[in-house]
Amino acid sequence: MYDVYRIREDFPVLKKVIYLDSAATSQKPLPVVKAMDEYFTEYCGPYGRGAHRLSKETTEKYEDAREAVASFLGVPPGNTIFTRNTTESINMVAYGLDWRRGDHVITSVMEHHSNLLPWMRLRKRGVEVTVVDADDYGVVHVKSIEDAITERTRLIAIGHVSNFFGSIQDVRAIARLAKRHGIKLLVDAAQSLGEMSYDFEASDCDFICASGHKGLLGPQGTGILYVKDAEGLDPVFAGGGTVSNVTLEGFSFDEAPSRFEYGTPNIPGVIGLGRAVKYVEALGVDNIESHLKGLAKYCAKRLSEIPQVEVYGPEERGSLVSFNLKGLNPHDVAMILDEARKICVRSGAMCAQTALARLGISGAVRASFGCYTTKEEVEALASSIEMMAKTLT
């Protein structure tokens, strides 16, 4: 049985605040912190670059983390690359593919800036970019993507869950569409990985990009890039750790994943991420998904009952609810919630300005939930907004 109150014992900071900003970054459970501490106190050494015992243990733990993440995704470890965040992962694809002038990319108006700006920058290289629209609830219809396909379309880049609307895109259908047309598919799973059950292997994605610090409960500064065809992607960076042979005449890149992991990696972060994935697996992603969707549905319902509140997004949503309280700036709402009730929410454009512009707004308040969030905390938010609304009447 999913026991959120027992889970909360692994997150001491939750005794101090009501934390409703997990879509930005999750809190970290004690086992993850312990795994990172053990690296520093028991075997701190370089990864992959030494014959001594500390280096060997560090390398083993690092690769154990890779195995854990790859297993979680259901993909080969050799195609699983560690990065700093989703943004870096997406940029590595954008600048690692061999583009030709006239090539075509399809993305959507719903995307986080990290899955929009890298493609827009390719326009300088002669790549055409189509940004398809969504409906008023943030859902990108597959037909819109299909209608945008041309004979030069090489890639579709789509976010699994909108970080503003919470809308869930039909990645399975988009994957089938991409495969039918021989087009590569990149999925931004930053807002879904660890929080929603999804068989990426069965969908046959070409690229999966995600952060470790959100639903996976890992530390900041960790990211994931899965590349189906590693030979078809050029490394963006060259340097230590990426090469197998160097002479004054030239060099040759190492095999994947080493060729993509340049310089000294975030060793403690990756080790922490490996432990975090195991923590999430122990809770059960199905259990987490059910818990989070229940909270989001309840939150959206409660807020929608307040006349002065406008809630954005569909009924079937991921683990977040964005809204505005008429008469108050979103940042003011967030500050009042923090000062009056120690409720932490996000406010602003959520790095999704094109999504907000779709509704004619420039900012909003976002409440987002983690595996540790309780219904009582959601109710505290709703009752606080009710009280604020009454002061405006």
Protein backbone atom coordinates (compact mmCIF):
# COMPACT_ATOMS: atom_id res chain seq x y z
CA MET A 1 0.00 0.00 0.00
CA TYR A 2 1.24 3.49 -0.89
CA ASP A 3 1.89 5.26 2.42
CA VAL A 4 2.69 8.91 1.75
CA TYR A 5 3.18 9.62 5.45
CA ARG A 6 5.88 6.98 5.75
CA ILE A 7 7.53 8.27 2.58
CA ARG A 8 7.69 11.76 4.08
CA GLU A 9 10.01 10.50 6.80
CA ASP A 10 12.73 10.37 4.15
CA PHE A 11 12.28 14.10 3.39
CA PRO A 12 13.04 16.10 6.58
CA VAL A 13 12.58 19.51 4.93
CA LEU A 14 8.86 18.78 4.59
CA LYS A 15 8.54 19.39 8.32
CA LYS A 16 9.35 23.05 7.66
CA VAL A 17 7.29 23.92 4.57
CA ILE A 18 4.45 22.85 2.31
CA TYR A 19 6.45 22.14 -0.81
CA LEU A 20 4.39 22.41 -4.01
CA ASP A 21 7.17 23.12 -6.51
CA SER A 22 8.30 19.62 -7.45
CA ALA A 23 7.95 20.29 -11.18
CA ALA A 24 10.88 22.70 -10.82
CA THR A 25 12.93 20.42 -8.60
CA SER A 26 11.95 17.63 -6.26
CA GLN A 27 13.09 17.17 -2.72
CA LYS A 28 15.72 14.44 -2.23
CA PRO A 29 15.17 11.39 -0.01
CA LEU A 30 17.71 10.57 2.67
CA PRO A 31 18.97 7.38 0.93
CA VAL A 32 20.02 9.51 -2.05
CA VAL A 33 21.84 12.00 0.16
CA LYS A 34 23.54 9.12 1.98
CA ALA A 35 24.73 7.56 -1.30
CA MET A 36 26.32 10.86 -2.30
CA ASP A 37 27.89 11.34 1.14
CA GLU A 38 29.42 7.87 0.96
CA TYR A 39 31.18 8.80 -2.27
CA PHE A 40 32.88 11.75 -0.59
CA THR A 41 33.71 9.99 2.67
CA GLU A 42 34.50 6.42 1.63
CA TYR A 43 35.87 6.14 -1.91
CA CYS A 44 36.15 9.56 -3.59
CA GLY A 45 38.24 9.14 -6.73
CA PRO A 46 38.30 9.87 -10.47
CA TYR A 47 35.94 8.08 -12.83
CA GLY A 48 37.48 5.78 -15.44
CA ARG A 49 40.96 7.26 -15.20
CA GLY A 50 42.94 5.38 -12.63
CA ALA A 51 44.19 1.93 -11.65
CA HIS A 52 44.02 2.49 -7.92
CA ARG A 53 41.26 1.13 -5.71
CA LEU A 54 39.40 4.40 -5.17
CA SER A 55 39.19 5.04 -8.89
CA LYS A 56 38.03 1.49 -9.49
CA GLU A 57 35.26 1.72 -6.90
CA THR A 58 34.17 5.13 -8.20
CA THR A 59 33.99 3.79 -11.75
CA GLU A 60 32.04 0.74 -10.61
CA LYS A 61 29.47 2.83 -8.71
CA TYR A 62 29.13 5.24 -11.64
CA GLU A 63 28.48 2.40 -14.07
CA ASP A 64 26.08 0.80 -11.60
CA ALA A 65 24.08 4.02 -11.81
CA ARG A 66 24.09 3.81 -15.60
CA GLU A 67 22.78 0.25 -15.41
CA ALA A 68 20.03 1.36 -13.03
CA VAL A 69 18.90 4.25 -15.23
CA ALA A 70 19.03 2.19 -18.43
CA SER A 71 17.05 -0.60 -16.80
CA PHE A 72 14.48 1.93 -15.60
CA LEU A 73 14.08 3.22 -19.16
CA GLY A 74 14.21 -0.25 -20.67
CA VAL A 75 17.10 0.66 -22.98
CA PRO A 76 20.74 -0.49 -23.42
CA PRO A 77 23.28 1.01 -20.97
CA GLY A 78 25.70 1.70 -23.82
CA ASN A 79 23.17 4.09 -25.35
CA THR A 80 22.44 5.84 -22.06
CA ILE A 81 24.44 9.04 -21.64
CA PHE A 82 24.73 11.17 -18.52
CA THR A 83 24.42 14.92 -18.98
CA ARG A 84 23.85 17.89 -16.70
CA ASN A 85 20.14 18.37 -17.44
CA THR A 86 17.43 18.05 -20.09
CA THR A 87 18.57 21.27 -21.73
CA GLU A 88 22.04 19.90 -22.39
CA SER A 89 20.61 16.60 -23.63
CA ILE A 90 18.38 18.31 -26.19
CA ASN A 91 21.15 20.64 -27.35
CA MET A 92 23.48 17.67 -27.83
CA VAL A 93 20.95 16.25 -30.28
CA ALA A 94 20.28 19.57 -31.98
CA TYR A 95 23.97 20.20 -32.63
CA GLY A 96 25.05 16.60 -33.04
CA LEU A 97 22.87 15.65 -36.00
CA ASP A 98 24.20 16.23 -39.51
CA TRP A 99 21.75 18.82 -40.80
CA ARG A 100 21.41 19.88 -44.41
CA ARG A 101 19.95 23.16 -45.62
CA GLY A 102 16.24 22.61 -46.17
CA ASP A 103 15.89 19.90 -43.53
CA HIS A 104 12.75 20.22 -41.45
CA VAL A 105 11.97 19.92 -37.71
CA ILE A 106 8.54 19.84 -36.10
CA THR A 107 7.96 20.91 -32.50
CA SER A 108 5.05 22.51 -30.67
CA VAL A 109 3.95 25.74 -29.06
CA MET A 110 3.63 23.83 -25.76
CA GLU A 111 7.33 23.19 -25.34
CA HIS A 112 9.57 24.28 -22.51
CA HIS A 113 12.14 26.71 -23.89
CA SER A 114 14.70 23.90 -23.74
CA ASN A 115 12.79 21.96 -26.40
CA LEU A 116 12.09 25.00 -28.55
CA LEU A 117 15.09 27.33 -28.65
CA PRO A 118 17.66 24.75 -29.85
CA TRP A 119 15.48 24.01 -32.89
CA MET A 120 14.78 27.69 -33.56
CA ARG A 121 18.54 28.36 -33.59
CA LEU A 122 18.93 25.83 -36.38
CA ARG A 123 17.11 28.24 -38.68
CA LYS A 124 20.44 30.08 -38.97
CA ARG A 125 21.81 26.91 -40.60
CA GLY A 126 18.99 26.73 -43.10
CA VAL A 127 16.87 24.22 -41.20
CA GLU A 128 13.14 24.86 -41.41
CA VAL A 129 11.21 24.66 -38.14
CA THR A 130 7.45 24.29 -37.81
CA VAL A 131 5.89 25.01 -34.41
CA VAL A 132 2.47 23.38 -34.40
CA ASP A 133 -0.36 24.76 -32.30
CA ALA A 134 -2.27 23.10 -29.46
CA ASP A 135 -5.84 23.36 -28.24
CA ASP A 136 -6.93 25.57 -25.35
CA TYR A 137 -6.08 22.83 -22.87
CA GLY A 138 -2.51 22.40 -24.03
CA VAL A 139 -3.03 19.20 -26.01
CA VAL A 140 -1.09 18.86 -29.26
CA HIS A 141 -3.23 16.83 -31.63
CA VAL A 142 -1.43 14.20 -33.67
CA LYS A 143 -3.25 15.35 -36.80
CA SER A 144 -1.57 18.76 -36.46
CA ILE A 145 1.84 17.11 -36.48
CA GLU A 146 0.90 14.88 -39.40
CA ASP A 147 -0.30 17.87 -41.44
CA ALA A 148 3.06 19.59 -40.84
CA ILE A 149 5.17 16.73 -42.18
CA THR A 150 7.01 17.33 -45.46
CA GLU A 151 9.39 15.20 -47.50
CA ARG A 152 12.27 17.01 -45.74
CA THR A 153 11.07 16.41 -42.16
CA ARG A 154 13.86 14.73 -40.21
CA LEU A 155 12.81 15.13 -36.59
CA ILE A 156 9.77 15.58 -34.37
CA ALA A 157 10.57 17.00 -30.91
CA ILE A 158 7.76 16.81 -28.38
CA GLY A 159 7.40 17.15 -24.63
CA HIS A 160 5.60 14.26 -22.96
CA VAL A 161 3.95 16.46 -20.32
CA SER A 162 3.58 20.24 -20.52
CA ASN A 163 5.25 21.96 -17.60
CA PHE A 164 2.56 24.67 -17.68
CA PHE A 165 -0.71 22.99 -18.67
CA GLY A 166 0.13 19.56 -17.31
CA SER A 167 -1.32 18.20 -20.56
CA ILE A 168 -0.14 14.73 -21.56
CA GLN A 169 0.76 14.31 -25.22
CA ASP A 170 -0.01 11.08 -27.05
CA VAL A 171 3.60 10.04 -27.51
CA ARG A 172 2.65 6.51 -28.59
CA ALA A 173 0.61 7.82 -31.51
CA ILE A 174 3.29 10.38 -32.41
CA ALA A 175 5.91 7.60 -32.34
CA ARG A 176 3.83 5.48 -34.72
CA LEU A 177 3.43 8.48 -37.01
CA ALA A 178 7.16 9.22 -36.98
CA LYS A 179 8.08 5.61 -37.71
CA ARG A 180 5.59 5.40 -40.57
CA HIS A 181 7.23 8.38 -42.23
CA GLY A 182 10.83 7.45 -41.38
CA ILE A 183 11.25 10.47 -39.11
CA LYS A 184 13.28 10.55 -35.89
CA LEU A 185 11.45 11.26 -32.65
CA LEU A 186 12.84 13.13 -29.64
CA VAL A 187 10.81 12.99 -26.42
CA ASP A 188 11.37 15.53 -23.67
CA ALA A 189 10.44 13.44 -20.62
CA ALA A 190 11.54 15.97 -18.00
CA GLN A 191 8.04 16.31 -16.51
CA SER A 192 7.02 12.66 -16.76
CA LEU A 193 9.97 10.38 -16.03
CA GLY A 194 9.54 8.83 -12.60
CA GLU A 195 5.96 10.04 -12.33
CA MET A 196 4.21 8.22 -15.16
CA SER A 197 4.41 4.65 -16.40
CA TYR A 198 5.54 4.62 -19.99
CA ASP A 199 7.30 2.02 -22.14
CA PHE A 200 9.82 4.08 -24.06
CA GLU A 201 11.40 0.98 -25.58
CA ALA A 202 8.08 -0.16 -27.04
CA SER A 203 7.50 3.30 -28.51
CA ASP A 204 10.86 3.05 -30.27
CA CYS A 205 11.96 6.61 -29.53
CA ASP A 206 15.18 7.79 -31.16
CA PHE A 207 16.06 10.19 -28.36
CA ILE A 208 14.86 10.44 -24.75
CA CYS A 209 15.89 13.53 -22.81
CA ALA A 210 15.26 14.04 -19.11
CA SER A 211 16.53 15.61 -15.92
CA GLY A 212 17.47 13.66 -12.82
CA HIS A 213 16.26 16.29 -10.36
CA LYS A 214 12.50 16.15 -10.92
CA GLY A 215 10.34 13.02 -10.83
CA LEU A 216 13.36 10.77 -10.45
CA LEU A 217 14.22 12.46 -7.11
CA GLY A 218 17.89 12.75 -8.04
CA PRO A 219 20.26 15.67 -7.43
CA GLN A 220 20.44 18.81 -9.53
CA GLY A 221 23.07 18.84 -12.24
CA THR A 222 22.16 15.39 -13.55
CA GLY A 223 20.49 14.59 -16.84
CA ILE A 224 19.85 11.70 -19.18
CA LEU A 225 20.16 11.33 -22.93
CA TYR A 226 19.18 8.07 -24.58
CA VAL A 227 20.35 7.76 -28.18
CA LYS A 228 19.01 4.84 -30.19
CA ASP A 229 21.66 5.16 -32.91
CA ALA A 230 24.77 6.48 -31.19
CA GLU A 231 26.81 6.32 -34.41
CA GLY A 232 24.36 8.71 -36.05
CA LEU A 233 25.03 11.49 -33.55
CA ASP A 234 28.28 13.45 -33.47
CA PRO A 235 29.70 14.51 -30.10
CA VAL A 236 29.27 18.25 -29.60
CA PHE A 237 32.30 18.50 -27.31
CA ALA A 238 35.76 16.97 -27.63
CA GLY A 239 38.26 16.54 -24.83
CA GLY A 240 39.27 14.32 -21.96
CA GLY A 241 37.29 11.13 -21.66
CA THR A 242 35.79 11.27 -25.16
CA VAL A 243 38.63 9.88 -27.27
CA SER A 244 40.40 6.57 -27.78
CA ASN A 245 43.48 7.83 -29.65
CA VAL A 246 45.14 11.21 -30.17
CA THR A 247 48.07 12.18 -32.37
CA LEU A 248 49.27 15.50 -33.72
CA GLU A 249 47.53 14.62 -36.97
CA GLY A 250 44.12 13.97 -35.42
CA PHE A 251 42.07 11.90 -33.00
CA SER A 252 39.35 9.29 -32.89
CA PHE A 253 36.32 9.33 -30.62
CA ASP A 254 35.72 6.50 -28.20
CA GLU A 255 32.65 4.28 -28.35
CA ALA A 256 29.35 5.42 -26.81
CA PRO A 257 28.60 6.46 -24.15
CA SER A 258 32.16 7.68 -23.41
CA ARG A 259 32.39 9.73 -26.60
CA PHE A 260 29.56 11.96 -25.34
CA GLU A 261 30.64 12.33 -21.70
CA TYR A 262 33.33 14.97 -21.85
CA GLY A 263 35.59 16.08 -19.00
CA THR A 264 35.16 15.17 -15.35
CA PRO A 265 31.53 14.14 -14.83
CA ASN A 266 29.26 14.92 -11.91
CA ILE A 267 30.29 11.72 -10.14
CA PRO A 268 28.43 12.19 -6.84
CA GLY A 269 25.37 13.42 -8.71
CA VAL A 270 25.26 10.41 -11.00
CA ILE A 271 25.74 8.03 -8.06
CA GLY A 272 22.90 9.82 -6.28
CA LEU A 273 20.74 9.52 -9.38
CA GLY A 274 21.35 5.79 -9.53
CA ARG A 275 20.18 5.44 -5.94
CA ALA A 276 17.19 7.72 -6.61
CA VAL A 277 16.00 5.55 -9.49
CA LYS A 278 16.04 2.52 -7.20
CA TYR A 279 14.06 4.51 -4.61
CA VAL A 280 11.42 5.39 -7.21
CA GLU A 281 11.26 1.79 -8.40
CA ALA A 282 10.71 0.60 -4.81
CA LEU A 283 7.74 2.96 -4.45
CA GLY A 284 6.39 1.82 -7.81
CA VAL A 285 5.84 4.26 -10.67
CA ASP A 286 2.24 3.09 -11.05
CA ASN A 287 1.62 3.96 -7.40
CA ILE A 288 3.29 7.34 -7.77
CA GLU A 289 1.30 8.12 -10.92
CA SER A 290 -2.02 7.26 -9.27
CA HIS A 291 -1.15 9.36 -6.23
CA LEU A 292 -0.06 12.39 -8.25
CA LYS A 293 -2.97 12.34 -10.68
CA GLY A 294 -5.37 12.14 -7.76
CA LEU A 295 -3.79 15.18 -6.14
CA ALA A 296 -3.78 17.16 -9.39
CA LYS A 297 -7.42 16.36 -10.09
CA TYR A 298 -8.43 17.36 -6.57
CA CYS A 299 -6.39 20.56 -6.72
CA ALA A 300 -7.85 21.61 -10.08
CA LYS A 301 -11.37 20.91 -8.83
CA ARG A 302 -10.95 22.87 -5.60
CA LEU A 303 -9.39 25.86 -7.31
CA SER A 304 -12.01 25.84 -10.08
CA GLU A 305 -14.70 26.23 -7.43
CA ILE A 306 -13.30 29.66 -6.51
CA PRO A 307 -14.97 32.25 -8.80
CA GLN A 308 -11.92 34.53 -9.03
CA VAL A 309 -9.56 31.70 -10.03
CA GLU A 310 -8.84 30.61 -13.58
CA VAL A 311 -7.35 27.13 -13.88
CA TYR A 312 -5.48 26.07 -17.01
CA GLY A 313 -5.13 22.65 -18.55
CA PRO A 314 -7.21 19.52 -19.21
CA GLU A 315 -8.98 17.32 -16.71
CA GLU A 316 -6.58 14.46 -17.42
CA ARG A 317 -3.26 15.97 -16.45
CA GLY A 318 0.15 15.29 -15.02
CA SER A 319 1.32 16.27 -11.54
CA LEU A 320 0.74 20.02 -11.70
CA VAL A 321 -1.93 22.71 -11.80
CA SER A 322 -1.36 26.23 -13.13
CA PHE A 323 -3.78 29.02 -12.32
CA ASN A 324 -4.27 32.73 -11.82
CA LEU A 325 -6.15 34.65 -9.13
CA LYS A 326 -7.85 37.61 -10.78
CA GLY A 327 -6.73 40.89 -9.32
CA LEU A 328 -3.34 39.70 -8.09
CA ASN A 329 0.00 39.33 -9.83
CA PRO A 330 1.20 35.68 -9.83
CA HIS A 331 4.40 36.61 -7.99
CA ASP A 332 2.37 38.38 -5.29
CA VAL A 333 0.23 35.28 -4.86
CA ALA A 334 3.34 33.14 -4.47
CA MET A 335 4.91 35.49 -1.93
CA ILE A 336 1.73 35.70 0.14
CA LEU A 337 1.42 31.92 0.19
CA ASP A 338 5.01 31.63 1.35
CA GLU A 339 4.83 34.31 4.02
CA ALA A 340 1.40 33.38 5.38
CA ARG A 341 1.42 29.56 5.19
CA LYS A 342 4.97 28.54 4.18
CA ILE A 343 3.54 27.18 0.94
CA CYS A 344 6.14 27.02 -1.83
CA VAL A 345 4.80 27.35 -5.39
CA ARG A 346 6.22 28.54 -8.69
CA SER A 347 5.17 31.80 -10.33
CA GLY A 348 6.00 33.41 -13.65
CA ALA A 349 6.24 32.10 -17.20
CA MET A 350 7.65 28.66 -16.28
CA CYS A 351 10.12 28.84 -19.22
CA ALA A 352 7.13 28.29 -21.50
CA GLN A 353 6.34 31.74 -22.84
CA THR A 354 4.87 30.50 -26.12
CA ALA A 355 2.45 28.25 -24.22
CA LEU A 356 1.28 31.14 -22.03
CA ALA A 357 1.06 33.50 -25.01
CA ARG A 358 -1.35 30.97 -26.53
CA LEU A 359 -3.76 32.07 -23.76
CA GLY A 360 -2.84 35.74 -23.87
CA ILE A 361 -1.16 35.73 -20.45
CA SER A 362 2.42 36.40 -19.38
CA GLY A 363 2.52 34.55 -16.08
CA ALA A 364 0.70 32.24 -13.69
CA VAL A 365 0.99 30.39 -10.41
CA ARG A 366 1.89 26.70 -10.57
CA ALA A 367 1.37 24.12 -7.84
CA SER A 368 3.17 20.85 -8.55
CA PHE A 369 3.34 17.69 -6.52
CA GLY A 370 5.77 14.94 -5.61
CA CYS A 371 5.49 11.41 -4.31
CA TYR A 372 5.59 12.94 -0.80
CA THR A 373 2.75 15.48 -1.22
CA THR A 374 -0.40 14.97 0.83
CA LYS A 375 -4.02 15.83 0.13
CA GLU A 376 -3.96 17.99 3.28
CA GLU A 377 -1.22 20.12 1.73
CA VAL A 378 -3.26 20.59 -1.43
CA GLU A 379 -6.24 21.58 0.71
CA ALA A 380 -4.05 24.10 2.54
CA LEU A 381 -3.25 25.69 -0.80
CA ALA A 382 -6.89 25.79 -1.88
CA SER A 383 -8.13 27.24 1.40
CA SER A 384 -5.38 29.88 1.31
CA ILE A 385 -6.38 30.93 -2.20
CA GLU A 386 -10.02 31.09 -1.05
CA MET A 387 -9.07 33.45 1.76
CA MET A 388 -7.03 35.62 -0.61
CA ALA A 389 -9.94 35.73 -3.08
CA LYS A 390 -12.32 36.95 -0.36
CA THR A 391 -10.06 39.90 0.38
CA LEU A 392 -10.38 40.98 -3.24
CA THR A 393 -14.18 41.07 -3.31
